[in-house]
């Protein structure tokens, strides 16, 4: 005998909360909260919902897919059987395509002034050009390293001159310090 699906008795309130939510893409933690289930159950449920999208190392389902899944579960004679059928028919979530961008040791101390001409920073604008995807990713990594090493110059370039520092400046500096210490 199949194990009962604990959230099946709450399908209508779950459907209502999902429909009323402003969330368009639902991550695993969102599914955990919505269905009041654990990590493994949420991962399995996302597979059953279908049309799982991988972004980085995270997986998401669209609200339309979630609502269609809930409607199907509400209409089913047996939620357990309908869920089992969906899981058997479901495609595996997409695996992220890893890419590794490593900066040469000599570029780990790059400063804003050292950036190549294809990375342009002006007040309120950033422009990066590259011949292909890998080149773009390399340029982004180089820019990130330069920003981490030379945040003050970046702020002076991007931001208008201010009378005094704001909480936003402090938040940005705290974020970069967190990145440096990670």
N, C-alpha and C. Protein backbone atom coordinates (compact mmCIF):
# COMPACT_ATOMS: atom_id res chain seq x y z
N UNK A 1 0.84 -1.19 0.00
CA UNK A 1 0.00 0.00 0.00
C UNK A 1 0.88 1.25 0.00
N UNK A 2 0.55 2.21 -0.82
CA UNK A 2 1.33 3.44 -0.94
C UNK A 2 1.21 4.28 0.32
N UNK A 3 2.29 4.96 0.62
CA UNK A 3 2.29 5.87 1.77
C UNK A 3 1.41 7.08 1.46
N UNK A 4 0.54 7.48 2.39
CA UNK A 4 -0.36 8.61 2.10
C UNK A 4 0.43 9.92 1.95
N UNK A 5 -0.07 10.76 1.08
CA UNK A 5 0.53 12.06 0.83
C UNK A 5 -0.05 13.03 1.85
N UNK A 6 0.80 13.48 2.78
CA UNK A 6 0.30 14.26 3.91
C UNK A 6 -0.36 15.58 3.50
N UNK A 7 0.08 16.20 2.41
CA UNK A 7 -0.47 17.49 2.01
C UNK A 7 -1.74 17.35 1.17
N UNK A 8 -2.16 16.11 0.86
CA UNK A 8 -3.31 15.93 -0.03
C UNK A 8 -4.60 16.49 0.57
N UNK A 9 -4.73 16.48 1.89
CA UNK A 9 -5.96 17.00 2.51
C UNK A 9 -5.98 18.54 2.52
N UNK A 10 -4.84 19.16 2.18
CA UNK A 10 -4.74 20.63 2.17
C UNK A 10 -4.63 21.20 0.76
N UNK A 11 -5.06 20.45 -0.24
CA UNK A 11 -4.88 20.88 -1.63
C UNK A 11 -5.55 22.22 -1.94
N UNK A 12 -6.76 22.42 -1.47
CA UNK A 12 -7.46 23.68 -1.79
C UNK A 12 -6.76 24.89 -1.17
N UNK A 13 -6.40 24.85 0.12
CA UNK A 13 -5.67 26.01 0.67
C UNK A 13 -4.29 26.21 0.02
N UNK A 14 -3.61 25.11 -0.32
CA UNK A 14 -2.31 25.22 -0.99
C UNK A 14 -2.51 25.90 -2.35
N UNK A 15 -3.51 25.47 -3.09
CA UNK A 15 -3.81 26.04 -4.40
C UNK A 15 -4.13 27.52 -4.29
N UNK A 16 -4.92 27.87 -3.29
CA UNK A 16 -5.29 29.27 -3.08
C UNK A 16 -4.06 30.13 -2.75
N UNK A 17 -3.19 29.63 -1.86
CA UNK A 17 -1.97 30.39 -1.51
C UNK A 17 -1.06 30.55 -2.73
N UNK A 18 -0.93 29.51 -3.53
CA UNK A 18 -0.09 29.60 -4.74
C UNK A 18 -0.69 30.58 -5.74
N UNK A 19 -2.00 30.56 -5.89
CA UNK A 19 -2.67 31.46 -6.84
C UNK A 19 -2.57 32.91 -6.38
N UNK A 20 -2.64 33.16 -5.08
CA UNK A 20 -2.60 34.51 -4.55
C UNK A 20 -1.18 35.05 -4.42
N UNK A 21 -0.19 34.19 -4.49
CA UNK A 21 1.20 34.60 -4.30
C UNK A 21 1.69 35.41 -5.49
N UNK A 22 2.63 36.29 -5.23
CA UNK A 22 3.26 37.06 -6.29
C UNK A 22 4.47 36.33 -6.86
N UNK A 23 4.82 35.22 -6.26
CA UNK A 23 5.98 34.44 -6.70
C UNK A 23 5.68 33.80 -8.05
N UNK A 24 6.52 34.08 -9.04
CA UNK A 24 6.34 33.51 -10.38
C UNK A 24 7.19 32.27 -10.57
N UNK A 25 8.37 32.24 -9.98
CA UNK A 25 9.24 31.07 -10.06
C UNK A 25 9.46 30.55 -8.65
N UNK A 26 9.16 29.28 -8.46
CA UNK A 26 9.16 28.67 -7.14
C UNK A 26 10.41 27.81 -6.97
N UNK A 27 11.23 28.15 -5.99
CA UNK A 27 12.42 27.37 -5.65
C UNK A 27 12.03 26.25 -4.68
N UNK A 28 12.95 25.36 -4.42
CA UNK A 28 12.69 24.24 -3.51
C UNK A 28 12.21 24.72 -2.15
N UNK A 29 12.84 25.74 -1.61
CA UNK A 29 12.42 26.23 -0.28
C UNK A 29 11.00 26.80 -0.31
N UNK A 30 10.64 27.41 -1.42
CA UNK A 30 9.27 27.92 -1.56
C UNK A 30 8.28 26.76 -1.54
N UNK A 31 8.62 25.68 -2.22
CA UNK A 31 7.77 24.49 -2.27
C UNK A 31 7.68 23.87 -0.88
N UNK A 32 8.81 23.84 -0.16
CA UNK A 32 8.81 23.31 1.21
C UNK A 32 7.81 24.07 2.08
N UNK A 33 7.86 25.39 1.99
CA UNK A 33 6.96 26.21 2.81
C UNK A 33 5.50 26.06 2.37
N UNK A 34 5.27 26.05 1.08
CA UNK A 34 3.91 25.97 0.56
C UNK A 34 3.23 24.66 0.97
N UNK A 35 3.94 23.56 0.87
CA UNK A 35 3.36 22.25 1.13
C UNK A 35 3.65 21.75 2.56
N UNK A 36 4.49 22.50 3.30
CA UNK A 36 4.89 22.10 4.65
C UNK A 36 5.53 20.72 4.62
N UNK A 37 6.56 20.59 3.80
CA UNK A 37 7.28 19.34 3.64
C UNK A 37 8.78 19.58 3.75
N UNK A 38 9.54 18.51 3.79
CA UNK A 38 10.99 18.60 3.90
C UNK A 38 11.68 18.71 2.55
N UNK A 39 13.00 18.79 2.60
CA UNK A 39 13.83 19.00 1.42
C UNK A 39 13.63 17.90 0.36
N UNK A 40 13.79 16.65 0.75
CA UNK A 40 13.70 15.55 -0.22
C UNK A 40 12.30 15.48 -0.84
N UNK A 41 11.28 15.68 -0.03
CA UNK A 41 9.91 15.67 -0.55
C UNK A 41 9.69 16.82 -1.53
N UNK A 42 10.26 17.98 -1.23
CA UNK A 42 10.11 19.13 -2.12
C UNK A 42 10.81 18.88 -3.45
N UNK A 43 11.99 18.25 -3.41
CA UNK A 43 12.70 17.94 -4.65
C UNK A 43 11.89 16.97 -5.49
N UNK A 44 11.34 15.96 -4.85
CA UNK A 44 10.52 14.97 -5.55
C UNK A 44 9.27 15.63 -6.12
N UNK A 45 8.66 16.50 -5.35
CA UNK A 45 7.46 17.19 -5.78
C UNK A 45 7.74 18.10 -6.98
N UNK A 46 8.87 18.78 -6.97
CA UNK A 46 9.23 19.63 -8.09
C UNK A 46 9.38 18.80 -9.37
N UNK A 47 9.95 17.61 -9.22
CA UNK A 47 10.08 16.71 -10.37
C UNK A 47 8.69 16.34 -10.89
N UNK A 48 7.76 16.06 -9.97
CA UNK A 48 6.39 15.71 -10.37
C UNK A 48 5.67 16.89 -11.00
N UNK A 49 5.92 18.09 -10.52
CA UNK A 49 5.29 19.30 -11.08
C UNK A 49 5.73 19.45 -12.53
N UNK A 50 7.00 19.20 -12.79
CA UNK A 50 7.51 19.22 -14.16
C UNK A 50 8.01 20.57 -14.60
N UNK A 51 8.58 20.58 -15.79
CA UNK A 51 9.15 21.79 -16.39
C UNK A 51 10.10 22.49 -15.44
N UNK A 52 10.96 21.70 -14.79
CA UNK A 52 11.93 22.24 -13.85
C UNK A 52 13.03 22.96 -14.63
N UNK A 53 13.37 24.14 -14.18
CA UNK A 53 14.42 24.93 -14.82
C UNK A 53 15.61 25.01 -13.87
N UNK A 54 16.79 24.83 -14.40
CA UNK A 54 18.01 24.95 -13.60
C UNK A 54 18.60 26.34 -13.82
N UNK A 55 18.90 27.00 -12.72
CA UNK A 55 19.58 28.29 -12.77
C UNK A 55 20.72 28.19 -11.77
N UNK A 56 21.94 28.14 -12.29
CA UNK A 56 23.08 27.89 -11.42
C UNK A 56 22.93 26.52 -10.82
N UNK A 57 23.00 26.43 -9.53
CA UNK A 57 22.84 25.15 -8.83
C UNK A 57 21.44 24.99 -8.25
N UNK A 58 20.55 25.91 -8.55
CA UNK A 58 19.19 25.85 -8.01
C UNK A 58 18.20 25.43 -9.09
N UNK A 59 17.09 24.88 -8.65
CA UNK A 59 16.03 24.48 -9.56
C UNK A 59 14.76 25.26 -9.23
N UNK A 60 13.99 25.57 -10.27
CA UNK A 60 12.77 26.35 -10.12
C UNK A 60 11.66 25.76 -10.96
N UNK A 61 10.42 25.97 -10.52
CA UNK A 61 9.26 25.65 -11.34
C UNK A 61 8.43 26.93 -11.49
N UNK A 62 7.80 27.06 -12.63
CA UNK A 62 6.97 28.23 -12.89
C UNK A 62 5.64 28.09 -12.17
N UNK A 63 5.07 29.21 -11.83
CA UNK A 63 3.77 29.22 -11.15
C UNK A 63 2.69 28.54 -11.98
N UNK A 64 2.71 28.75 -13.29
CA UNK A 64 1.70 28.12 -14.14
C UNK A 64 1.79 26.60 -14.06
N UNK A 65 2.99 26.06 -14.02
CA UNK A 65 3.18 24.60 -13.89
C UNK A 65 2.70 24.12 -12.53
N UNK A 66 3.01 24.89 -11.50
CA UNK A 66 2.59 24.53 -10.15
C UNK A 66 1.06 24.51 -10.05
N UNK A 67 0.41 25.53 -10.58
CA UNK A 67 -1.05 25.60 -10.52
C UNK A 67 -1.70 24.48 -11.34
N UNK A 68 -1.13 24.16 -12.50
CA UNK A 68 -1.66 23.07 -13.32
C UNK A 68 -1.51 21.74 -12.57
N UNK A 69 -0.38 21.56 -11.91
CA UNK A 69 -0.17 20.35 -11.11
C UNK A 69 -1.20 20.25 -9.99
N UNK A 70 -1.41 21.35 -9.27
CA UNK A 70 -2.38 21.35 -8.18
C UNK A 70 -3.79 21.08 -8.68
N UNK A 71 -4.14 21.66 -9.82
CA UNK A 71 -5.46 21.40 -10.41
C UNK A 71 -5.62 19.92 -10.75
N UNK A 72 -4.57 19.32 -11.28
CA UNK A 72 -4.62 17.89 -11.61
C UNK A 72 -4.77 17.05 -10.34
N UNK A 73 -4.06 17.42 -9.28
CA UNK A 73 -4.15 16.66 -8.03
C UNK A 73 -5.55 16.81 -7.41
N UNK A 74 -6.14 18.00 -7.51
CA UNK A 74 -7.49 18.22 -6.98
C UNK A 74 -8.50 17.38 -7.75
N UNK A 75 -8.34 17.28 -9.05
CA UNK A 75 -9.28 16.54 -9.89
C UNK A 75 -9.09 15.02 -9.81
N UNK A 76 -7.96 14.58 -9.31
CA UNK A 76 -7.66 13.13 -9.29
C UNK A 76 -8.53 12.39 -8.27
N UNK A 77 -8.90 11.16 -8.62
CA UNK A 77 -9.62 10.32 -7.66
C UNK A 77 -8.72 9.95 -6.49
N UNK A 78 -7.45 9.71 -6.79
CA UNK A 78 -6.48 9.35 -5.76
C UNK A 78 -5.23 10.20 -5.96
N UNK A 79 -4.96 11.09 -5.02
CA UNK A 79 -3.78 11.95 -5.11
C UNK A 79 -2.52 11.08 -5.12
N UNK A 80 -2.49 10.04 -4.31
CA UNK A 80 -1.32 9.17 -4.23
C UNK A 80 -1.02 8.55 -5.59
N UNK A 81 -2.05 8.01 -6.26
CA UNK A 81 -1.86 7.39 -7.57
C UNK A 81 -1.48 8.42 -8.63
N UNK A 82 -2.13 9.56 -8.61
CA UNK A 82 -1.82 10.62 -9.59
C UNK A 82 -0.39 11.11 -9.41
N UNK A 83 0.04 11.28 -8.16
CA UNK A 83 1.41 11.73 -7.88
C UNK A 83 2.41 10.66 -8.33
N UNK A 84 2.13 9.41 -8.00
CA UNK A 84 3.03 8.32 -8.40
C UNK A 84 3.16 8.27 -9.92
N UNK A 85 2.03 8.42 -10.62
CA UNK A 85 2.04 8.42 -12.09
C UNK A 85 2.88 9.58 -12.63
N UNK A 86 2.70 10.77 -12.06
CA UNK A 86 3.49 11.95 -12.49
C UNK A 86 4.97 11.72 -12.28
N UNK A 87 5.33 11.12 -11.15
CA UNK A 87 6.75 10.87 -10.85
C UNK A 87 7.34 9.85 -11.82
N UNK A 88 6.57 8.83 -12.19
CA UNK A 88 7.07 7.82 -13.13
C UNK A 88 7.27 8.41 -14.52
N UNK A 89 6.42 9.34 -14.91
CA UNK A 89 6.48 9.95 -16.23
C UNK A 89 7.42 11.16 -16.30
N UNK A 90 7.83 11.68 -15.15
CA UNK A 90 8.59 12.94 -15.10
C UNK A 90 10.00 12.77 -15.65
N UNK A 91 10.44 13.82 -16.28
CA UNK A 91 11.83 13.89 -16.74
C UNK A 91 12.70 14.30 -15.56
N UNK A 92 13.94 13.88 -15.60
CA UNK A 92 14.89 14.29 -14.56
C UNK A 92 15.12 15.80 -14.68
N UNK A 93 15.27 16.49 -13.54
CA UNK A 93 15.59 17.92 -13.61
C UNK A 93 16.88 18.14 -14.38
N UNK A 94 16.97 19.24 -15.11
CA UNK A 94 18.18 19.48 -15.89
C UNK A 94 19.40 19.64 -14.99
N UNK A 95 20.49 19.06 -15.44
CA UNK A 95 21.75 19.20 -14.69
C UNK A 95 22.42 20.49 -15.15
N UNK A 96 22.95 21.26 -14.21
CA UNK A 96 23.63 22.49 -14.61
C UNK A 96 24.88 22.14 -15.42
N UNK A 97 25.16 22.99 -16.38
CA UNK A 97 26.36 22.80 -17.20
C UNK A 97 27.49 23.57 -16.54
N UNK A 98 28.42 22.85 -15.96
CA UNK A 98 29.49 23.55 -15.23
C UNK A 98 30.43 24.28 -16.18
N UNK A 99 30.90 25.40 -15.73
CA UNK A 99 31.97 26.10 -16.43
C UNK A 99 32.90 26.65 -15.36
N UNK A 100 34.12 26.61 -15.68
CA UNK A 100 35.11 27.10 -14.73
C UNK A 100 35.88 28.24 -15.39
N UNK A 101 35.87 29.34 -14.73
CA UNK A 101 36.63 30.49 -15.20
C UNK A 101 37.67 30.77 -14.11
N UNK A 102 38.90 30.60 -14.45
CA UNK A 102 39.96 30.86 -13.49
C UNK A 102 40.81 32.01 -13.99
N UNK A 103 41.01 32.96 -13.14
CA UNK A 103 41.88 34.07 -13.49
C UNK A 103 43.32 33.65 -13.29
N UNK A 104 44.18 34.00 -14.23
CA UNK A 104 45.61 33.72 -14.01
C UNK A 104 46.09 34.43 -12.74
N UNK A 105 47.08 33.86 -12.09
CA UNK A 105 47.58 34.40 -10.83
C UNK A 105 47.95 35.87 -10.95
N UNK A 106 48.47 36.27 -12.09
CA UNK A 106 48.88 37.66 -12.29
C UNK A 106 47.73 38.65 -12.32
N UNK A 107 46.53 38.16 -12.54
CA UNK A 107 45.37 39.04 -12.60
C UNK A 107 44.57 39.07 -11.30
N UNK A 108 45.00 38.36 -10.32
CA UNK A 108 44.25 38.34 -9.05
C UNK A 108 44.36 39.67 -8.30
N UNK A 109 45.32 40.48 -8.66
CA UNK A 109 45.49 41.79 -8.02
C UNK A 109 45.08 42.93 -8.95
N UNK A 110 44.30 42.61 -9.97
CA UNK A 110 43.90 43.60 -10.95
C UNK A 110 43.12 44.73 -10.28
N UNK A 111 43.38 45.93 -10.76
CA UNK A 111 42.67 47.10 -10.27
C UNK A 111 41.81 47.65 -11.42
N UNK A 112 40.93 48.54 -11.10
CA UNK A 112 40.03 49.10 -12.10
C UNK A 112 40.79 49.70 -13.28
N UNK A 113 41.87 50.38 -13.00
CA UNK A 113 42.66 51.03 -14.06
C UNK A 113 43.34 50.01 -14.98
N UNK A 114 43.45 48.75 -14.55
CA UNK A 114 44.12 47.71 -15.33
C UNK A 114 43.19 46.97 -16.29
N UNK A 115 41.89 47.26 -16.23
CA UNK A 115 40.94 46.53 -17.07
C UNK A 115 41.19 46.80 -18.55
N UNK A 116 40.97 45.78 -19.40
CA UNK A 116 41.16 45.99 -20.84
C UNK A 116 40.11 46.93 -21.41
N UNK A 117 40.35 47.41 -22.63
CA UNK A 117 39.47 48.39 -23.27
C UNK A 117 38.07 47.87 -23.55
N UNK A 118 37.91 46.55 -23.60
CA UNK A 118 36.57 46.01 -23.90
C UNK A 118 35.68 45.99 -22.66
N UNK A 119 36.20 46.43 -21.50
CA UNK A 119 35.40 46.62 -20.29
C UNK A 119 35.44 48.10 -19.97
N UNK A 120 34.30 48.76 -20.19
CA UNK A 120 34.25 50.21 -20.02
C UNK A 120 33.30 50.58 -18.88
N UNK A 121 33.81 51.37 -17.97
CA UNK A 121 33.01 51.87 -16.86
C UNK A 121 32.94 53.38 -16.97
N UNK A 122 31.73 53.89 -17.00
CA UNK A 122 31.53 55.34 -16.95
C UNK A 122 30.40 55.58 -15.96
N UNK A 123 30.20 56.82 -15.61
CA UNK A 123 29.19 57.16 -14.62
C UNK A 123 27.84 56.54 -14.99
N UNK A 124 27.36 55.63 -14.16
CA UNK A 124 26.06 55.01 -14.36
C UNK A 124 25.99 53.98 -15.48
N UNK A 125 27.12 53.55 -16.02
CA UNK A 125 27.09 52.64 -17.16
C UNK A 125 28.26 51.67 -17.11
N UNK A 126 27.98 50.44 -17.52
CA UNK A 126 28.99 49.40 -17.65
C UNK A 126 28.80 48.76 -19.02
N UNK A 127 29.88 48.64 -19.78
CA UNK A 127 29.80 48.02 -21.10
C UNK A 127 30.92 46.99 -21.22
N UNK A 128 30.54 45.78 -21.59
CA UNK A 128 31.51 44.70 -21.78
C UNK A 128 31.26 44.09 -23.14
N UNK A 129 32.31 43.94 -23.92
CA UNK A 129 32.16 43.26 -25.21
C UNK A 129 33.13 42.07 -25.24
N UNK A 130 32.69 41.02 -25.93
CA UNK A 130 33.51 39.82 -26.03
C UNK A 130 33.09 39.07 -27.29
N UNK A 131 34.00 38.28 -27.85
CA UNK A 131 33.68 37.56 -29.09
C UNK A 131 32.76 36.36 -28.89
N UNK A 132 32.70 35.83 -27.65
CA UNK A 132 31.89 34.63 -27.42
C UNK A 132 31.50 34.54 -25.95
N UNK A 133 30.77 33.51 -25.59
CA UNK A 133 30.27 33.33 -24.22
C UNK A 133 31.40 33.20 -23.23
N UNK A 134 32.39 32.38 -23.54
CA UNK A 134 33.51 32.17 -22.61
C UNK A 134 34.27 33.48 -22.41
N UNK A 135 34.47 34.22 -23.49
CA UNK A 135 35.14 35.52 -23.37
C UNK A 135 34.36 36.47 -22.48
N UNK A 136 33.02 36.45 -22.60
CA UNK A 136 32.18 37.31 -21.76
C UNK A 136 32.31 36.90 -20.29
N UNK A 137 32.28 35.59 -20.04
CA UNK A 137 32.42 35.11 -18.66
C UNK A 137 33.79 35.46 -18.07
N UNK A 138 34.82 35.35 -18.89
CA UNK A 138 36.16 35.73 -18.42
C UNK A 138 36.21 37.21 -18.08
N UNK A 139 35.59 38.04 -18.93
CA UNK A 139 35.56 39.48 -18.67
C UNK A 139 34.77 39.80 -17.40
N UNK A 140 33.66 39.10 -17.19
CA UNK A 140 32.88 39.31 -15.97
C UNK A 140 33.68 38.91 -14.73
N UNK A 141 34.41 37.81 -14.82
CA UNK A 141 35.24 37.38 -13.69
C UNK A 141 36.35 38.41 -13.42
N UNK A 142 36.94 38.91 -14.49
CA UNK A 142 37.99 39.92 -14.33
C UNK A 142 37.42 41.20 -13.71
N UNK A 143 36.25 41.61 -14.17
CA UNK A 143 35.60 42.79 -13.60
C UNK A 143 35.29 42.57 -12.13
N UNK A 144 34.76 41.41 -11.79
CA UNK A 144 34.44 41.11 -10.39
C UNK A 144 35.69 41.18 -9.53
N UNK A 145 36.79 40.67 -10.03
CA UNK A 145 38.05 40.72 -9.26
C UNK A 145 38.51 42.16 -9.09
N UNK A 146 38.43 42.94 -10.16
CA UNK A 146 38.82 44.35 -10.07
C UNK A 146 37.93 45.11 -9.09
N UNK A 147 36.64 44.84 -9.11
CA UNK A 147 35.73 45.50 -8.17
C UNK A 147 36.04 45.10 -6.74
N UNK A 148 36.36 43.84 -6.55
CA UNK A 148 36.70 43.37 -5.21
C UNK A 148 37.98 44.04 -4.71
N UNK A 149 38.94 44.23 -5.60
CA UNK A 149 40.23 44.82 -5.22
C UNK A 149 40.21 46.34 -5.16
N UNK A 150 39.28 46.97 -5.87
CA UNK A 150 39.35 48.42 -6.06
C UNK A 150 37.96 49.05 -6.01
N UNK A 151 37.20 48.74 -4.99
CA UNK A 151 35.83 49.22 -4.88
C UNK A 151 35.74 50.74 -4.82
N UNK A 152 36.67 51.38 -4.13
CA UNK A 152 36.62 52.84 -4.01
C UNK A 152 36.70 53.52 -5.38
N UNK A 153 37.58 53.04 -6.26
CA UNK A 153 37.68 53.61 -7.60
C UNK A 153 36.39 53.38 -8.40
N UNK A 154 35.81 52.20 -8.24
CA UNK A 154 34.56 51.90 -8.94
C UNK A 154 33.46 52.83 -8.48
N UNK A 155 33.37 53.04 -7.18
CA UNK A 155 32.34 53.94 -6.67
C UNK A 155 32.56 55.36 -7.15
N UNK A 156 33.80 55.78 -7.21
CA UNK A 156 34.09 57.13 -7.69
C UNK A 156 33.74 57.26 -9.17
N UNK A 157 33.91 56.18 -9.94
CA UNK A 157 33.60 56.21 -11.37
C UNK A 157 32.10 56.15 -11.62
N UNK A 158 31.42 55.26 -10.93
CA UNK A 158 30.00 55.04 -11.19
C UNK A 158 29.07 56.04 -10.53
N UNK A 159 29.40 56.43 -9.33
CA UNK A 159 28.46 57.22 -8.54
C UNK A 159 28.77 58.71 -8.62
N UNK A 160 27.74 59.51 -8.62
CA UNK A 160 27.98 60.96 -8.57
C UNK A 160 28.62 61.34 -7.23
N UNK A 161 29.29 62.46 -7.23
CA UNK A 161 29.94 62.93 -6.01
C UNK A 161 28.87 63.26 -4.99
N UNK A 162 29.07 62.79 -3.76
CA UNK A 162 28.10 63.01 -2.69
C UNK A 162 28.75 63.81 -1.57
N UNK A 163 27.89 64.46 -0.85
CA UNK A 163 28.36 65.22 0.31
C UNK A 163 28.86 64.28 1.39
N UNK A 164 28.11 63.20 1.65
CA UNK A 164 28.52 62.26 2.70
C UNK A 164 28.10 60.85 2.31
N UNK A 165 28.70 59.88 2.95
CA UNK A 165 28.39 58.47 2.68
C UNK A 165 26.98 58.15 3.15
N UNK A 166 26.35 57.21 2.48
CA UNK A 166 25.00 56.80 2.85
C UNK A 166 25.03 55.36 3.37
N UNK A 167 23.88 54.92 3.84
CA UNK A 167 23.75 53.54 4.28
C UNK A 167 23.98 52.58 3.12
N UNK A 168 23.59 53.01 1.89
CA UNK A 168 23.81 52.17 0.71
C UNK A 168 25.29 51.91 0.51
N UNK A 169 26.11 52.95 0.68
CA UNK A 169 27.55 52.77 0.53
C UNK A 169 28.08 51.78 1.56
N UNK A 170 27.61 51.92 2.79
CA UNK A 170 28.05 51.00 3.84
C UNK A 170 27.61 49.58 3.54
N UNK A 171 26.39 49.40 3.01
CA UNK A 171 25.91 48.07 2.66
C UNK A 171 26.75 47.46 1.55
N UNK A 172 27.08 48.26 0.53
CA UNK A 172 27.89 47.77 -0.58
C UNK A 172 29.28 47.37 -0.09
N UNK A 173 29.88 48.20 0.74
CA UNK A 173 31.20 47.87 1.27
C UNK A 173 31.15 46.61 2.13
N UNK A 174 30.11 46.47 2.93
CA UNK A 174 29.96 45.27 3.77
C UNK A 174 29.81 44.03 2.89
N UNK A 175 29.07 44.16 1.78
CA UNK A 175 28.89 43.03 0.87
C UNK A 175 30.23 42.63 0.24
N UNK A 176 31.00 43.60 -0.23
CA UNK A 176 32.30 43.30 -0.84
C UNK A 176 33.24 42.71 0.19
N UNK A 177 33.24 43.22 1.41
CA UNK A 177 34.08 42.64 2.45
C UNK A 177 33.68 41.20 2.73
N UNK A 178 32.38 40.94 2.70
CA UNK A 178 31.90 39.56 2.88
C UNK A 178 32.44 38.68 1.76
N UNK A 179 32.41 39.17 0.51
CA UNK A 179 32.94 38.40 -0.63
C UNK A 179 34.43 38.13 -0.46
N UNK A 180 35.16 39.13 -0.01
CA UNK A 180 36.60 38.95 0.18
C UNK A 180 36.90 37.89 1.23
N UNK A 181 36.09 37.85 2.28
CA UNK A 181 36.34 36.92 3.37
C UNK A 181 35.78 35.53 3.12
N UNK A 182 35.01 35.38 2.05
CA UNK A 182 34.40 34.07 1.74
C UNK A 182 35.41 33.11 1.16
